Protein backbone atom coordinates (compact mmCIF):
# COMPACT_ATOMS: atom_id res chain seq x y z
CA MET A 1 85.91 10.28 -7.19
CA LYS A 2 82.17 10.35 -7.09
CA GLU A 3 80.77 12.21 -10.07
CA THR A 4 78.29 15.04 -9.49
CA HIS A 5 75.08 15.43 -11.40
CA LEU A 6 73.22 18.77 -11.70
CA TYR A 7 69.35 18.67 -12.29
CA GLY A 8 67.28 21.39 -13.83
CA VAL A 9 63.99 22.38 -15.31
CA LYS A 10 64.08 22.57 -19.11
CA GLY A 11 61.72 24.16 -21.64
CA LYS A 12 59.08 26.73 -21.70
CA CYS A 13 55.91 24.43 -21.17
CA ASP A 14 54.66 23.89 -17.66
CA SER A 15 58.08 23.18 -16.17
CA LYS A 16 59.03 26.53 -14.56
CA THR A 17 55.45 27.54 -13.57
CA ILE A 18 54.47 24.82 -11.27
CA ILE A 19 57.68 23.00 -10.03
CA SER A 20 61.04 23.99 -8.79
CA LEU A 21 64.28 22.14 -8.05
CA ARG A 22 65.25 23.75 -4.82
CA PHE A 23 67.92 21.21 -4.30
CA PRO A 24 69.41 20.70 -7.81
CA LEU A 25 71.90 18.20 -6.59
CA THR A 26 69.14 15.71 -5.31
CA GLY A 27 66.60 15.90 -8.10
CA ILE A 28 63.72 16.36 -5.80
CA ILE A 29 60.74 17.88 -7.41
CA ARG A 30 58.61 20.35 -5.49
CA THR A 31 55.53 22.55 -6.44
CA ALA A 32 56.24 26.13 -7.12
CA LEU A 33 52.72 27.28 -6.51
CA ALA A 34 50.45 27.12 -3.50
CA ASP A 35 46.82 25.89 -3.60
CA MET A 36 46.94 24.35 -6.93
CA ASP A 37 43.44 23.71 -8.21
CA ARG A 38 42.69 20.34 -9.89
CA GLU A 39 39.21 21.61 -11.08
CA ALA A 40 41.07 24.32 -13.07
CA ARG A 41 43.77 21.97 -14.46
CA GLU A 42 44.41 18.35 -13.62
CA HIS A 43 47.42 17.34 -15.75
CA TYR A 44 50.80 18.94 -16.23
CA MET A 45 53.86 17.97 -18.20
CA VAL A 46 57.49 18.99 -17.24
CA VAL A 47 60.83 18.28 -18.69
CA ILE A 48 63.79 17.54 -16.28
CA GLN A 49 67.46 17.81 -17.49
CA ALA A 50 70.34 16.19 -15.80
CA LYS A 51 73.94 17.27 -16.48
CA ASP A 52 77.25 15.73 -15.31
CA MET A 53 80.49 17.33 -14.39
CA ALA A 54 78.38 19.73 -12.11
CA GLY A 55 77.17 21.51 -15.12
CA GLN A 56 80.62 22.60 -16.32
CA VAL A 57 81.48 23.09 -19.90
CA GLY A 58 82.07 19.98 -21.75
CA GLY A 59 79.89 17.87 -19.59
CA LEU A 60 77.12 15.73 -20.96
CA SER A 61 73.42 16.11 -20.36
CA GLY A 62 70.10 14.14 -20.72
CA SER A 63 66.44 14.96 -20.27
CA THR A 64 63.12 13.26 -19.58
CA THR A 65 59.45 14.18 -19.54
CA ILE A 66 57.40 13.76 -16.51
CA ASN A 67 53.58 13.78 -16.49
CA ILE A 68 52.07 15.10 -13.14
CA THR A 69 48.39 14.53 -12.20
CA LEU A 70 46.83 16.42 -9.35
CA THR A 71 44.76 14.11 -7.17
CA ASP A 72 41.37 15.21 -5.94
CA VAL A 73 40.33 16.44 -2.44
CA ASN A 74 36.77 17.49 -1.34
CA ASP A 75 37.19 21.23 -1.71
CA ASN A 76 33.92 22.00 -3.70
CA PRO A 77 30.47 21.99 -2.24
CA PRO A 78 27.55 20.62 -4.31
CA GLN A 79 25.50 23.16 -6.26
CA PHE A 80 22.24 23.09 -7.81
CA PRO A 81 22.27 24.56 -11.35
CA GLN A 82 19.18 26.67 -10.52
CA LYS A 83 17.39 27.55 -7.40
CA ASN A 84 13.78 26.88 -8.53
CA TYR A 85 12.39 23.86 -10.21
CA GLN A 86 8.91 22.99 -11.56
CA LEU A 87 7.50 19.50 -11.72
CA TYR A 88 4.24 18.13 -12.89
CA VAL A 89 2.84 14.83 -11.26
CA PRO A 90 -0.59 13.27 -12.18
CA GLU A 91 -2.77 12.38 -9.18
CA SER A 92 -2.74 8.76 -10.57
CA ALA A 93 1.00 8.31 -9.87
CA GLN A 94 1.57 5.14 -7.84
CA VAL A 95 3.04 5.12 -4.39
CA GLY A 96 6.75 4.08 -4.23
CA LYS A 97 7.26 4.83 -7.91
CA PRO A 98 9.68 7.61 -9.16
CA VAL A 99 7.85 10.74 -10.23
CA GLY A 100 10.84 13.09 -10.96
CA LYS A 101 14.44 13.61 -10.61
CA ILE A 102 16.80 16.62 -9.41
CA LYS A 103 20.58 16.92 -9.49
CA ALA A 104 23.22 19.08 -7.90
CA ASN A 105 26.60 19.36 -9.38
CA ASP A 106 30.00 18.69 -7.58
CA GLU A 107 33.20 19.43 -9.47
CA ASP A 108 35.17 16.96 -7.21
CA LEU A 109 35.58 13.22 -8.20
CA GLY A 110 34.75 9.88 -6.65
CA VAL A 111 33.54 9.69 -3.10
CA ASN A 112 34.34 13.49 -2.89
CA ALA A 113 31.38 14.09 -5.15
CA ASP A 114 28.87 11.86 -3.31
CA ILE A 115 25.74 13.68 -2.50
CA LYS A 116 22.87 12.77 -0.15
CA TYR A 117 19.45 14.43 -0.96
CA SER A 118 16.81 15.28 1.72
CA ILE A 119 13.52 17.20 2.05
CA ILE A 120 13.68 19.92 4.60
CA ASN A 121 11.17 22.15 6.27
CA SER A 122 8.57 21.27 3.66
CA GLU A 123 4.90 20.71 3.95
CA GLY A 124 5.15 17.83 1.36
CA ALA A 125 7.57 15.76 3.43
CA ASN A 126 4.69 13.42 4.48
CA THR A 127 3.72 12.95 0.76
CA PHE A 128 7.07 12.75 -1.10
CA SER A 129 10.37 11.13 -0.31
CA ILE A 130 13.69 11.51 -1.98
CA SER A 131 16.66 9.08 -2.33
CA THR A 132 20.05 9.13 -4.07
CA ASP A 133 21.02 7.22 -7.26
CA ARG A 134 24.61 6.20 -6.53
CA ASP A 135 25.41 5.71 -10.26
CA THR A 136 24.09 9.07 -11.50
CA ARG A 137 24.26 11.04 -8.30
CA GLU A 138 20.62 12.21 -8.87
CA GLY A 139 17.89 12.76 -6.36
CA ILE A 140 14.95 10.48 -7.16
CA LEU A 141 11.63 11.73 -6.11
CA SER A 142 8.88 9.20 -5.09
CA LEU A 143 5.44 9.24 -3.61
CA LYS A 144 4.79 8.15 0.12
CA LYS A 145 0.96 8.33 -0.31
CA LEU A 146 -1.54 8.87 -3.05
CA LEU A 147 -2.17 12.33 -4.37
CA ASN A 148 -5.74 13.86 -4.71
CA TYR A 149 -6.05 16.79 -7.09
CA GLU A 150 -9.41 17.74 -5.50
CA ARG A 151 -7.87 18.21 -2.00
CA LYS A 152 -4.47 19.62 -2.80
CA LYS A 153 -3.18 20.88 -6.14
CA THR A 154 0.28 22.13 -5.40
CA TYR A 155 3.24 21.31 -3.10
CA THR A 156 6.28 23.26 -2.39
CA LEU A 157 9.53 21.24 -1.45
CA HIS A 158 12.85 22.49 -0.27
CA ILE A 159 15.49 19.85 -1.43
CA GLU A 160 19.04 19.84 0.33
CA GLY A 161 22.04 18.23 -1.28
CA THR A 162 24.90 17.47 1.12
CA ASN A 163 28.34 15.92 0.56
CA THR A 164 28.51 12.65 2.42
CA HIS A 165 32.45 12.70 2.82
CA VAL A 166 33.47 16.10 4.05
CA ASP A 167 37.17 16.71 4.60
CA PRO A 168 37.54 18.68 7.89
CA ARG A 169 40.74 20.36 6.45
CA PHE A 170 38.45 22.49 4.12
CA SER A 171 35.75 23.28 6.63
CA PHE A 172 36.75 26.91 6.57
CA LEU A 173 35.30 27.01 2.98
CA GLY A 174 31.73 26.74 4.55
CA SER A 175 28.90 24.11 4.62
CA PHE A 176 29.30 21.52 1.92
CA LYS A 177 25.53 21.68 1.04
CA ASP A 178 23.13 23.46 -1.23
CA THR A 179 19.35 23.84 -1.28
CA ALA A 180 16.80 24.30 -4.08
CA THR A 181 13.08 24.93 -4.19
CA LEU A 182 10.82 22.41 -6.07
CA LYS A 183 7.18 23.31 -6.81
CA ILE A 184 5.01 20.34 -7.74
CA THR A 185 1.83 20.67 -9.54
CA VAL A 186 -0.67 17.91 -9.23
CA GLY A 187 -2.56 16.98 -12.45
CA ASP A 188 -6.13 16.28 -12.47
CA VAL A 189 -7.00 12.72 -13.75
CA ASP A 190 -10.52 11.51 -14.50
CA GLU A 191 -11.22 9.02 -11.56
CA ALA A 192 -13.76 6.25 -11.10
CA PRO A 193 -16.79 7.01 -8.81
CA VAL A 194 -16.23 6.51 -5.05
CA PHE A 195 -18.78 4.81 -2.93
CA SER A 196 -19.66 6.25 0.50
CA MET A 197 -18.89 3.11 2.23
CA ASP A 198 -16.32 0.27 1.75
CA TYR A 199 -19.09 -2.25 2.03
CA TYR A 200 -22.91 -2.23 2.79
CA ILE A 201 -24.97 -4.51 5.10
CA MET A 202 -28.72 -4.66 4.45
CA ASP A 203 -31.60 -6.80 5.68
CA VAL A 204 -34.99 -7.81 4.51
CA TYR A 205 -37.69 -10.12 5.86
CA GLU A 206 -38.21 -13.46 4.04
CA ASN A 207 -41.45 -13.97 2.02
CA THR A 208 -41.90 -10.20 1.37
CA PRO A 209 -43.26 -9.48 -2.02
CA ARG A 210 -41.28 -8.93 -5.28
CA GLY A 211 -40.13 -5.34 -5.42
CA THR A 212 -39.56 -4.80 -1.80
CA GLU A 213 -36.90 -2.09 -1.04
CA VAL A 214 -33.82 -3.51 0.77
CA GLY A 215 -31.59 -0.60 0.99
CA ALA A 216 -29.52 1.81 -1.26
CA VAL A 217 -25.86 2.45 -2.17
CA THR A 218 -24.53 5.94 -3.00
CA ALA A 219 -21.32 6.87 -4.95
CA ARG A 220 -20.07 10.20 -6.31
CA ASP A 221 -17.77 11.32 -9.09
CA PRO A 222 -14.73 12.75 -7.18
CA ASP A 223 -13.87 15.01 -10.07
CA SER A 224 -17.32 16.71 -10.22
CA ARG A 225 -19.93 16.74 -7.64
CA ASN A 226 -22.74 17.25 -10.28
CA SER A 227 -21.59 14.58 -12.50
CA PRO A 228 -24.25 11.64 -12.68
CA VAL A 229 -23.30 8.09 -11.60
CA ARG A 230 -24.91 4.93 -13.09
CA TYR A 231 -25.43 1.84 -10.85
CA PHE A 232 -25.72 -1.79 -12.08
CA MET A 233 -24.82 -5.40 -11.31
CA ASP A 234 -22.74 -7.61 -13.49
CA SER A 235 -24.63 -9.73 -15.94
CA GLU A 236 -23.10 -12.83 -14.42
CA GLU A 237 -23.75 -11.77 -10.89
CA GLU A 238 -25.75 -14.66 -9.29
CA GLY A 239 -27.53 -12.12 -6.97
CA LYS A 240 -29.47 -10.93 -10.08
CA ARG A 241 -31.80 -13.77 -9.50
CA TYR A 242 -32.95 -12.20 -6.32
CA PHE A 243 -32.17 -8.58 -6.47
CA ARG A 244 -32.19 -5.48 -8.91
CA ILE A 245 -30.84 -2.02 -8.61
CA ASP A 246 -32.08 1.21 -9.87
CA GLU A 247 -29.42 2.51 -12.11
CA SER A 248 -30.13 6.28 -11.14
CA THR A 249 -30.82 6.10 -7.37
CA GLY A 250 -28.86 3.00 -6.25
CA VAL A 251 -31.86 1.48 -4.50
CA VAL A 252 -31.74 -2.34 -4.13
CA ARG A 253 -35.02 -4.24 -4.45
CA THR A 254 -36.02 -7.91 -4.46
CA THR A 255 -37.07 -9.67 -7.76
CA GLN A 256 -38.82 -12.54 -5.92
CA PRO A 257 -39.74 -13.56 -2.35
CA LEU A 258 -36.77 -14.80 -0.34
CA ASP A 259 -36.63 -17.93 1.90
CA ARG A 260 -34.24 -17.55 4.88
CA GLU A 261 -34.26 -21.40 5.30
CA GLU A 262 -32.94 -21.92 1.98
CA MET A 263 -30.31 -19.04 1.98
CA PRO A 264 -30.01 -16.74 5.11
CA TRP A 265 -27.31 -14.35 3.40
CA HIS A 266 -26.93 -13.08 -0.08
CA ASN A 267 -23.60 -11.52 -1.15
CA ILE A 268 -23.71 -9.27 -4.25
CA THR A 269 -21.50 -6.80 -5.92
CA VAL A 270 -22.74 -3.45 -7.05
CA MET A 271 -20.87 -1.50 -9.71
CA ALA A 272 -20.88 2.28 -10.51
CA SER A 273 -19.65 4.16 -13.53
CA GLU A 274 -19.73 7.73 -14.83
CA VAL A 275 -22.57 8.31 -17.33
CA ASP A 276 -20.21 10.25 -19.46
CA ASN A 277 -17.30 7.84 -19.16
CA PRO A 278 -18.52 4.14 -18.63
CA SER A 279 -15.00 2.72 -18.77
CA LEU A 280 -14.23 4.08 -15.33
CA LEU A 281 -15.75 1.47 -12.98
CA SER A 282 -15.74 0.96 -9.21
CA HIS A 283 -17.48 -1.76 -7.13
CA VAL A 284 -18.53 -2.33 -3.73
CA PRO A 285 -19.67 -5.59 -1.81
CA VAL A 286 -23.25 -5.69 -0.48
CA ASN A 287 -24.25 -8.27 2.09
CA VAL A 288 -28.10 -8.79 2.44
CA GLN A 289 -29.39 -10.66 5.53
CA VAL A 290 -32.70 -12.46 5.19
CA LEU A 291 -34.60 -12.02 8.45
CA ASP A 292 -36.88 -14.79 9.82
CA VAL A 293 -40.62 -15.04 10.06
CA ASN A 294 -42.48 -17.89 11.59
CA ASP A 295 -43.57 -19.67 8.42
CA ASN A 296 -42.51 -23.30 9.25
CA PRO A 297 -44.37 -25.68 11.59
CA PRO A 298 -42.49 -27.78 14.27
CA GLU A 299 -41.60 -31.30 13.58
CA ILE A 300 -41.25 -34.29 16.02
CA ALA A 301 -37.48 -34.89 16.18
CA THR A 302 -37.75 -38.60 16.81
CA ASP A 303 -39.82 -41.09 14.75
CA GLU A 304 -39.29 -44.55 16.21
CA GLU A 305 -41.12 -47.48 17.82
CA VAL A 306 -41.22 -47.33 21.58
CA ILE A 307 -41.36 -50.84 23.45
CA VAL A 308 -42.53 -50.81 27.12
CA CYS A 309 -41.12 -53.42 29.38
CA GLU A 310 -43.79 -55.40 31.25
CA SER A 311 -42.12 -54.44 34.55
CA SER A 312 -42.68 -50.72 33.94
CA ARG A 313 -44.39 -48.96 36.80
CA PRO A 314 -47.20 -46.38 36.58
CA GLY A 315 -45.78 -43.00 36.12
CA GLN A 316 -42.47 -44.12 34.71
CA VAL A 317 -41.17 -42.11 31.80
CA ILE A 318 -40.83 -44.32 28.79
CA GLN A 319 -39.97 -41.76 26.15
CA THR A 320 -38.98 -38.12 25.86
CA VAL A 321 -40.40 -36.45 22.84
CA THR A 322 -38.66 -33.43 21.34
CA ALA A 323 -39.37 -31.11 18.38
CA VAL A 324 -37.57 -28.95 15.87
CA ASP A 325 -38.42 -26.00 13.77
CA LYS A 326 -36.65 -24.63 10.88
CA ASP A 327 -37.46 -21.03 11.83
CA ASP A 328 -35.00 -18.89 13.73
CA PHE A 329 -36.04 -17.81 17.25
CA ALA A 330 -33.83 -15.33 18.97
CA ASN A 331 -34.60 -16.47 22.46
CA GLY A 332 -34.59 -20.27 21.63
CA GLN A 333 -37.42 -22.51 20.50
CA ARG A 334 -40.33 -23.20 22.79
CA PHE A 335 -43.07 -25.80 21.87
CA SER A 336 -46.15 -27.05 23.66
CA PHE A 337 -46.93 -30.83 23.37
CA ALA A 338 -50.35 -32.66 23.50
CA LEU A 339 -51.84 -35.87 22.22
CA PRO A 340 -53.91 -35.25 19.04
CA SER A 341 -57.58 -34.90 19.87
CA GLN A 342 -58.62 -36.47 16.58
CA LEU A 343 -56.96 -39.83 17.65
CA PRO A 344 -58.42 -42.30 20.20
CA VAL A 345 -56.84 -41.87 23.67
CA ASN A 346 -54.93 -44.75 25.02
CA PRO A 347 -55.57 -44.96 28.68
CA ASN A 348 -52.28 -46.81 29.36
CA PHE A 349 -50.19 -43.71 28.58
CA THR A 350 -50.07 -40.04 29.50
CA LEU A 351 -48.07 -37.11 27.92
CA LYS A 352 -46.65 -34.39 30.14
CA ASP A 353 -45.72 -31.06 28.56
CA ASN A 354 -42.57 -29.83 29.98
CA GLU A 355 -43.20 -26.31 28.82
CA GLY A 356 -39.88 -26.05 27.01
CA GLY A 357 -38.18 -28.07 24.36
CA GLY A 358 -39.71 -31.41 25.05
CA SER A 359 -42.36 -33.59 26.74
CA ALA A 360 -42.43 -36.89 28.62
CA LEU A 361 -44.50 -39.96 27.65
CA SER A 362 -45.19 -42.09 30.74
CA SER A 363 -47.15 -45.32 31.45
CA SER A 364 -50.38 -44.94 33.44
CA LEU A 365 -51.21 -48.63 34.22
CA THR A 366 -49.37 -51.87 34.43
CA PRO A 367 -49.30 -52.99 30.80
CA PRO A 368 -49.80 -56.43 29.67
CA ARG A 369 -46.83 -58.60 28.80
CA SER A 370 -46.54 -56.98 25.41
CA ASN A 371 -47.61 -53.55 24.67
CA LYS A 372 -46.23 -51.48 21.85
CA LEU A 373 -46.69 -47.75 21.25
CA ARG A 374 -46.23 -46.26 17.76
């Protein structure tokens, strides 16, 4: 005959409040309460007693303790501890670097508590970005572009935190998201002077006297329009041999006559600092072009001995003469050629000016067997 065992809940702890043995002969444990909340209580301990002889008098019994843990479901939305936050960010903060943190709380566990942060309906969405730290579940605020205290001193961001793993069974509880307002105050930082241009191109004619004005650079203090700026060139700047700059006006002048044929361009660097704070420096490249003047005579390009064959006919070209000039001519170099008047004329040769870049030397008579022209 098969023995019958009877199971029951024993004790006054959690046993009779959270479980029931609706079928005491099978020992199946079921919950006695609906909608148990893990966030309110996660662990329970119950004692189960088993009796033989169907629980009749004289039967034996035994008991055991069962620890019950409620598993988590995503039934709680994220919530910011407060609705309004304040953050101070200096205008010198670097792009891409974290400037602040914000965090929403979620009572769930594991992936059920994962949160994605975003900036919504905010003027500062083009200036700031937010990402999620997976380890701490914090929203990390970073800069997308540089701040400028003089242009904009405050930003208001609306931050939204949303669960990334929403359980559709609990959609009736509402949207699993929350928002908070973050007001950012931009801090003023003393900045170096700013030049009006990224680079300067100037020009000056060669051979002009010392002290000739070449041009001027301008810079301003971005923190104060009335703050004076000092201009100077580095002591090791090679351009100091040829140029100097007025420290108050930024006017660049020559220190000696320039020679285009020696150096057609000069590249110098001008620096600017605040008078009240010399440690804040900025610099700008200045390119000076030396313009040409006609200060070089032409030179015969060829210097060689010409030998005329005895069979040369009268009028035959025996040599083409060209010239060069170190000066720079915008429309090309044009020369005129002639035999020097101070030298005796050789009747056997004629020189024809081509009215351009050269001339032709021709024979006039039949030369003797040997005739050389130097």
